[in-house]
C-alpha cells in the first residue's frame, strides 16, 4: 500500500495503527514497540517534553525482531521501519528525529 492511501487509527493512548499493517506504540520509560503482524521489535527512544512532542531514535537502536536477535535488520529494513515510525508519529503531530 502506498503512503498516499494509508490510513491511521489511534485505538488507545500512545498506540497508532496503520492500514499498511504495522503498529507503533510509544511506551513509558523511553521505548517504541514496533510490530508488523506477529513480529515485534523494542526500540530505545528518548521522549522529549516541550511545546511539541518530540521523539529521538538512534538508527543503531533499530536492531532486530524479538526472538531473532542473531539476524539483525538490513539497512533497507531499518530505513523502512524508521520511515513507518515517522509516518505514524506525524499522524499524531509528533516529530521523530533520527540520529
Foldseek 3Di string as FASTA:
>chain_A
DDPVPKDWDPPDPQWIAIPVAKIWGQDPPAWIWIDGVPWIDIFGWDFDDDPATEIEGELPRQFPTPVPNVDTDDSVRSVVRVVVVQSRCVVVPYHYHYD
